[in-house]
Amino acid sequence: MKLPTQPRSYVIMAICLLITIYFSYHAVQGARGLRRMEQLKTEIALATQIAQETANEKDLLRKKVRSLSPNSLDLDQLEESALRVLNMGKPDDKVILK
């Protein structure tokens, strides 16, 4: 391959090289470049994990609320839980610890 001898050709080649470098740099480092795409993927994965944890917590709370309905309420278990939480009992109660 023969290199051009005219100075104008060198200027055109230099400008093309600079343009190529500019676009290559911004394709990797720019606001919509490859690095930003990887950051966004990481953020999406984290947000998805948080959403899953929140959904699990919501389901757990929903089950607890459902168990408080009058149809599913076990009065013996409620009394036992209340005595345990309040740390109170009747003088003739026998306590069995597991």
N, C-alpha and C. Protein backbone atom coordinates (compact mmCIF):
# COMPACT_ATOMS: atom_id res chain seq x y z
N MET A 1 0.84 -1.16 0.00
CA MET A 1 0.00 0.00 0.00
C MET A 1 0.89 1.24 0.00
N LYS A 2 0.53 2.15 -0.85
CA LYS A 2 1.32 3.35 -1.01
C LYS A 2 0.73 4.46 -0.19
N LEU A 3 1.52 5.12 0.65
CA LEU A 3 1.05 6.22 1.46
C LEU A 3 0.93 7.47 0.60
N PRO A 4 -0.11 8.26 0.87
CA PRO A 4 -0.26 9.48 0.08
C PRO A 4 0.86 10.47 0.42
N THR A 5 1.23 11.24 -0.57
CA THR A 5 2.32 12.19 -0.39
C THR A 5 1.80 13.61 -0.21
N GLN A 6 0.55 13.85 -0.46
CA GLN A 6 0.02 15.19 -0.33
C GLN A 6 -0.35 15.48 1.13
N PRO A 7 -0.07 16.65 1.64
CA PRO A 7 -0.39 16.99 3.03
C PRO A 7 -1.90 16.97 3.28
N ARG A 8 -2.69 17.27 2.27
CA ARG A 8 -4.15 17.26 2.44
C ARG A 8 -4.65 15.86 2.78
N SER A 9 -4.07 14.85 2.21
CA SER A 9 -4.46 13.46 2.49
C SER A 9 -4.15 13.09 3.94
N TYR A 10 -3.02 13.57 4.46
CA TYR A 10 -2.68 13.31 5.85
C TYR A 10 -3.68 13.97 6.81
N VAL A 11 -4.11 15.16 6.46
CA VAL A 11 -5.08 15.87 7.29
C VAL A 11 -6.40 15.11 7.31
N ILE A 12 -6.84 14.64 6.16
CA ILE A 12 -8.09 13.88 6.08
C ILE A 12 -7.97 12.59 6.87
N MET A 13 -6.84 11.91 6.77
CA MET A 13 -6.64 10.67 7.53
C MET A 13 -6.62 10.96 9.04
N ALA A 14 -5.99 12.05 9.44
CA ALA A 14 -5.93 12.41 10.85
C ALA A 14 -7.33 12.73 11.38
N ILE A 15 -8.10 13.45 10.60
CA ILE A 15 -9.47 13.79 11.01
C ILE A 15 -10.30 12.51 11.13
N CYS A 16 -10.19 11.60 10.18
CA CYS A 16 -10.93 10.33 10.25
C CYS A 16 -10.50 9.52 11.47
N LEU A 17 -9.20 9.52 11.78
CA LEU A 17 -8.70 8.81 12.94
C LEU A 17 -9.26 9.43 14.23
N LEU A 18 -9.26 10.74 14.32
CA LEU A 18 -9.78 11.41 15.51
C LEU A 18 -11.28 11.16 15.68
N ILE A 19 -12.02 11.17 14.59
CA ILE A 19 -13.46 10.89 14.66
C ILE A 19 -13.69 9.45 15.13
N THR A 20 -12.92 8.52 14.61
CA THR A 20 -13.04 7.13 15.02
C THR A 20 -12.72 6.97 16.50
N ILE A 21 -11.65 7.61 16.97
CA ILE A 21 -11.30 7.55 18.38
C ILE A 21 -12.40 8.17 19.24
N TYR A 22 -12.94 9.30 18.81
CA TYR A 22 -14.00 9.98 19.56
C TYR A 22 -15.22 9.06 19.73
N PHE A 23 -15.70 8.49 18.64
CA PHE A 23 -16.89 7.64 18.72
C PHE A 23 -16.60 6.34 19.48
N SER A 24 -15.41 5.81 19.34
CA SER A 24 -15.06 4.59 20.08
C SER A 24 -15.04 4.87 21.58
N TYR A 25 -14.46 6.00 21.97
CA TYR A 25 -14.41 6.35 23.39
C TYR A 25 -15.83 6.49 23.94
N HIS A 26 -16.68 7.21 23.24
CA HIS A 26 -18.03 7.44 23.74
C HIS A 26 -18.92 6.19 23.65
N ALA A 27 -18.56 5.26 22.80
CA ALA A 27 -19.31 4.00 22.75
C ALA A 27 -19.04 3.18 24.01
N VAL A 28 -17.89 3.36 24.62
CA VAL A 28 -17.56 2.62 25.83
C VAL A 28 -17.85 3.44 27.08
N GLN A 29 -17.42 4.68 27.11
CA GLN A 29 -17.48 5.51 28.32
C GLN A 29 -18.68 6.45 28.38
N GLY A 30 -19.39 6.64 27.33
CA GLY A 30 -20.44 7.66 27.27
C GLY A 30 -21.66 7.35 28.12
N ALA A 31 -22.60 8.29 28.10
CA ALA A 31 -23.82 8.16 28.91
C ALA A 31 -24.66 6.95 28.48
N ARG A 32 -24.52 6.54 27.25
CA ARG A 32 -25.25 5.37 26.76
C ARG A 32 -24.28 4.29 26.27
N GLY A 33 -23.09 4.30 26.85
CA GLY A 33 -22.05 3.38 26.42
C GLY A 33 -22.14 2.03 27.11
N LEU A 34 -21.13 1.22 26.84
CA LEU A 34 -21.10 -0.15 27.36
C LEU A 34 -20.96 -0.18 28.88
N ARG A 35 -20.17 0.71 29.44
CA ARG A 35 -20.02 0.73 30.90
C ARG A 35 -21.33 1.09 31.58
N ARG A 36 -22.03 2.08 31.04
CA ARG A 36 -23.32 2.48 31.62
C ARG A 36 -24.32 1.34 31.51
N MET A 37 -24.26 0.59 30.42
CA MET A 37 -25.16 -0.54 30.25
C MET A 37 -24.91 -1.59 31.34
N GLU A 38 -23.66 -1.85 31.67
CA GLU A 38 -23.34 -2.80 32.73
C GLU A 38 -23.81 -2.28 34.09
N GLN A 39 -23.66 -0.98 34.34
CA GLN A 39 -24.15 -0.40 35.59
C GLN A 39 -25.66 -0.55 35.69
N LEU A 40 -26.35 -0.31 34.60
CA LEU A 40 -27.81 -0.42 34.61
C LEU A 40 -28.25 -1.86 34.84
N LYS A 41 -27.53 -2.81 34.26
CA LYS A 41 -27.85 -4.22 34.50
C LYS A 41 -27.70 -4.56 35.97
N THR A 42 -26.65 -4.06 36.60
CA THR A 42 -26.44 -4.29 38.03
C THR A 42 -27.56 -3.67 38.85
N GLU A 43 -27.93 -2.43 38.51
CA GLU A 43 -29.02 -1.76 39.23
C GLU A 43 -30.35 -2.50 39.05
N ILE A 44 -30.59 -3.00 37.86
CA ILE A 44 -31.82 -3.76 37.61
C ILE A 44 -31.85 -5.04 38.42
N ALA A 45 -30.71 -5.73 38.49
CA ALA A 45 -30.65 -6.96 39.29
C ALA A 45 -30.90 -6.67 40.76
N LEU A 46 -30.33 -5.59 41.27
CA LEU A 46 -30.54 -5.22 42.67
C LEU A 46 -32.00 -4.84 42.92
N ALA A 47 -32.58 -4.06 42.01
CA ALA A 47 -33.98 -3.67 42.16
C ALA A 47 -34.91 -4.88 42.09
N THR A 48 -34.59 -5.84 41.24
CA THR A 48 -35.38 -7.05 41.14
C THR A 48 -35.31 -7.86 42.43
N GLN A 49 -34.12 -7.94 43.01
CA GLN A 49 -33.95 -8.66 44.27
C GLN A 49 -34.73 -7.98 45.39
N ILE A 50 -34.67 -6.65 45.46
CA ILE A 50 -35.40 -5.91 46.48
C ILE A 50 -36.90 -6.10 46.28
N ALA A 51 -37.35 -6.08 45.04
CA ALA A 51 -38.78 -6.27 44.76
C ALA A 51 -39.22 -7.67 45.19
N GLN A 52 -38.39 -8.67 44.96
CA GLN A 52 -38.73 -10.04 45.37
C GLN A 52 -38.80 -10.15 46.89
N GLU A 53 -37.83 -9.55 47.58
CA GLU A 53 -37.84 -9.58 49.04
C GLU A 53 -39.07 -8.86 49.59
N THR A 54 -39.42 -7.75 48.98
CA THR A 54 -40.60 -7.00 49.41
C THR A 54 -41.87 -7.80 49.16
N ALA A 55 -41.95 -8.49 48.03
CA ALA A 55 -43.12 -9.32 47.73
C ALA A 55 -43.22 -10.47 48.74
N ASN A 56 -42.09 -11.07 49.10
CA ASN A 56 -42.11 -12.14 50.10
C ASN A 56 -42.57 -11.63 51.45
N GLU A 57 -42.08 -10.46 51.84
CA GLU A 57 -42.49 -9.86 53.11
C GLU A 57 -43.99 -9.52 53.09
N LYS A 58 -44.45 -9.03 51.95
CA LYS A 58 -45.87 -8.70 51.81
C LYS A 58 -46.73 -9.96 51.94
N ASP A 59 -46.30 -11.05 51.32
CA ASP A 59 -47.04 -12.31 51.44
C ASP A 59 -47.07 -12.80 52.89
N LEU A 60 -45.95 -12.68 53.58
CA LEU A 60 -45.89 -13.09 54.98
C LEU A 60 -46.86 -12.26 55.83
N LEU A 61 -46.85 -10.95 55.62
CA LEU A 61 -47.77 -10.09 56.37
C LEU A 61 -49.22 -10.38 56.02
N ARG A 62 -49.47 -10.68 54.75
CA ARG A 62 -50.83 -11.00 54.33
C ARG A 62 -51.31 -12.28 55.02
N LYS A 63 -50.43 -13.28 55.17
CA LYS A 63 -50.79 -14.51 55.86
C LYS A 63 -51.07 -14.25 57.34
N LYS A 64 -50.25 -13.37 57.94
CA LYS A 64 -50.48 -13.05 59.34
C LYS A 64 -51.82 -12.34 59.53
N VAL A 65 -52.14 -11.42 58.64
CA VAL A 65 -53.41 -10.71 58.73
C VAL A 65 -54.57 -11.67 58.51
N ARG A 66 -54.43 -12.58 57.56
CA ARG A 66 -55.48 -13.54 57.28
C ARG A 66 -55.72 -14.46 58.48
N SER A 67 -54.64 -14.76 59.21
CA SER A 67 -54.80 -15.65 60.36
C SER A 67 -55.49 -14.94 61.53
N LEU A 68 -55.60 -13.63 61.47
CA LEU A 68 -56.29 -12.89 62.52
C LEU A 68 -57.79 -12.77 62.29
N SER A 69 -58.27 -13.25 61.18
CA SER A 69 -59.71 -13.17 60.91
C SER A 69 -60.47 -14.05 61.91
N PRO A 70 -61.70 -13.70 62.24
CA PRO A 70 -62.45 -14.46 63.25
C PRO A 70 -62.65 -15.93 62.88
N ASN A 71 -62.71 -16.25 61.62
CA ASN A 71 -62.92 -17.64 61.20
C ASN A 71 -61.71 -18.52 61.49
N SER A 72 -60.52 -17.94 61.40
CA SER A 72 -59.32 -18.77 61.56
C SER A 72 -58.62 -18.54 62.89
N LEU A 73 -59.21 -17.80 63.77
CA LEU A 73 -58.59 -17.47 65.04
C LEU A 73 -58.72 -18.63 66.03
N ASP A 74 -57.61 -19.08 66.56
CA ASP A 74 -57.59 -20.13 67.58
C ASP A 74 -57.44 -19.44 68.93
N LEU A 75 -58.48 -19.46 69.74
CA LEU A 75 -58.48 -18.72 70.99
C LEU A 75 -57.45 -19.23 71.98
N ASP A 76 -57.20 -20.53 72.02
CA ASP A 76 -56.19 -21.08 72.92
C ASP A 76 -54.79 -20.56 72.54
N GLN A 77 -54.53 -20.57 71.24
CA GLN A 77 -53.23 -20.09 70.78
C GLN A 77 -53.10 -18.59 71.03
N LEU A 78 -54.17 -17.84 70.85
CA LEU A 78 -54.16 -16.41 71.11
C LEU A 78 -53.87 -16.13 72.59
N GLU A 79 -54.51 -16.89 73.46
CA GLU A 79 -54.29 -16.70 74.89
C GLU A 79 -52.85 -17.04 75.27
N GLU A 80 -52.35 -18.13 74.71
CA GLU A 80 -50.97 -18.53 74.99
C GLU A 80 -49.98 -17.47 74.52
N SER A 81 -50.21 -16.93 73.34
CA SER A 81 -49.33 -15.90 72.80
C SER A 81 -49.41 -14.64 73.66
N ALA A 82 -50.61 -14.26 74.07
CA ALA A 82 -50.77 -13.07 74.89
C ALA A 82 -50.07 -13.24 76.23
N LEU A 83 -50.19 -14.40 76.84
CA LEU A 83 -49.51 -14.65 78.11
C LEU A 83 -48.00 -14.60 77.95
N ARG A 84 -47.50 -15.13 76.84
CA ARG A 84 -46.07 -15.14 76.60
C ARG A 84 -45.55 -13.72 76.37
N VAL A 85 -46.28 -12.94 75.57
CA VAL A 85 -45.84 -11.59 75.25
C VAL A 85 -45.94 -10.68 76.47
N LEU A 86 -47.05 -10.77 77.18
CA LEU A 86 -47.26 -9.90 78.33
C LEU A 86 -46.55 -10.38 79.58
N ASN A 87 -46.06 -11.62 79.53
CA ASN A 87 -45.36 -12.23 80.66
C ASN A 87 -46.24 -12.23 81.92
N MET A 88 -47.49 -12.56 81.71
CA MET A 88 -48.43 -12.62 82.83
C MET A 88 -49.16 -13.96 82.78
N GLY A 89 -49.58 -14.40 83.90
CA GLY A 89 -50.33 -15.64 83.96
C GLY A 89 -51.14 -15.70 85.24
N LYS A 90 -51.99 -16.65 85.32
CA LYS A 90 -52.81 -16.84 86.53
C LYS A 90 -51.98 -17.58 87.58
N PRO A 91 -52.27 -17.37 88.83
CA PRO A 91 -51.44 -18.00 89.88
C PRO A 91 -51.45 -19.54 89.81
N ASP A 92 -52.51 -20.15 89.32
CA ASP A 92 -52.56 -21.61 89.30
C ASP A 92 -52.15 -22.20 87.95
N ASP A 93 -51.61 -21.37 87.03
CA ASP A 93 -51.16 -21.86 85.71
C ASP A 93 -49.86 -22.62 85.86
N LYS A 94 -49.75 -23.69 85.10
CA LYS A 94 -48.51 -24.46 85.05
C LYS A 94 -47.84 -24.14 83.72
N VAL A 95 -46.58 -23.82 83.77
CA VAL A 95 -45.84 -23.41 82.58
C VAL A 95 -44.88 -24.54 82.20
N ILE A 96 -44.96 -24.94 80.93
CA ILE A 96 -44.07 -25.96 80.40
C ILE A 96 -43.23 -25.30 79.31
N LEU A 97 -41.96 -25.22 79.51
CA LEU A 97 -41.06 -24.60 78.55
C LEU A 97 -40.44 -25.67 77.67
N LYS A 98 -40.36 -25.38 76.41
CA LYS A 98 -39.76 -26.33 75.46
C LYS A 98 -38.33 -25.95 75.19
